[in-house]
Amino acid sequence: MDVNVISSFKLMGMGMAAIFLVIIIIYASVNIMLKLTADKKQ
């Protein structure tokens, strides 16, 4: 394979991993905020 193709696959993988990490961080922060602001009556 060409060097450019291999480096583009590497860059694509890093981009997908970054998007996945951001989704996990947003999910965790929303979960924490929902738990902190929940009603205490339940």
Protein backbone atom coordinates (compact mmCIF):
# COMPACT_ATOMS: atom_id res chain seq x y z
CA MET A 1 0.00 0.00 0.00
CA ASP A 2 0.98 3.58 -0.50
CA VAL A 3 2.31 5.52 2.47
CA ASN A 4 -0.40 8.17 2.01
CA VAL A 5 -3.17 5.55 2.20
CA ILE A 6 -1.78 4.10 5.42
CA SER A 7 -1.39 7.51 7.03
CA SER A 8 -4.92 8.51 5.98
CA PHE A 9 -6.31 5.33 7.58
CA LYS A 10 -4.38 6.19 10.75
CA LEU A 11 -5.82 9.71 10.76
CA MET A 12 -9.34 8.39 10.12
CA GLY A 13 -9.02 5.96 13.03
CA MET A 14 -7.84 8.70 15.37
CA GLY A 15 -10.75 10.90 14.31
CA MET A 16 -13.29 8.15 14.93
CA ALA A 17 -11.75 7.43 18.34
CA ALA A 18 -11.92 11.13 19.23
CA ILE A 19 -15.61 11.33 18.26
CA PHE A 20 -16.36 8.20 20.32
CA LEU A 21 -14.51 9.67 23.31
CA VAL A 22 -16.44 12.96 23.07
CA ILE A 23 -19.76 11.07 22.94
CA ILE A 24 -18.81 9.13 26.10
CA ILE A 25 -17.77 12.35 27.91
CA ILE A 26 -21.04 14.10 26.99
CA TYR A 27 -23.08 11.05 28.11
CA ALA A 28 -21.25 10.88 31.44
CA SER A 29 -21.62 14.60 32.14
CA VAL A 30 -25.36 14.57 31.36
CA ASN A 31 -25.79 11.53 33.61
CA ILE A 32 -23.95 13.24 36.47
CA MET A 33 -25.98 16.43 36.08
CA LEU A 34 -29.25 14.47 36.08
CA LYS A 35 -28.24 12.67 39.28
CA LEU A 36 -27.19 15.91 41.00
CA THR A 37 -30.38 17.78 40.14
CA ALA A 38 -32.89 14.94 40.73
CA ASP A 39 -35.71 15.35 43.25
CA LYS A 40 -34.94 13.92 46.66
CA LYS A 41 -38.60 12.83 47.23
CA GLN A 42 -38.21 9.57 45.33
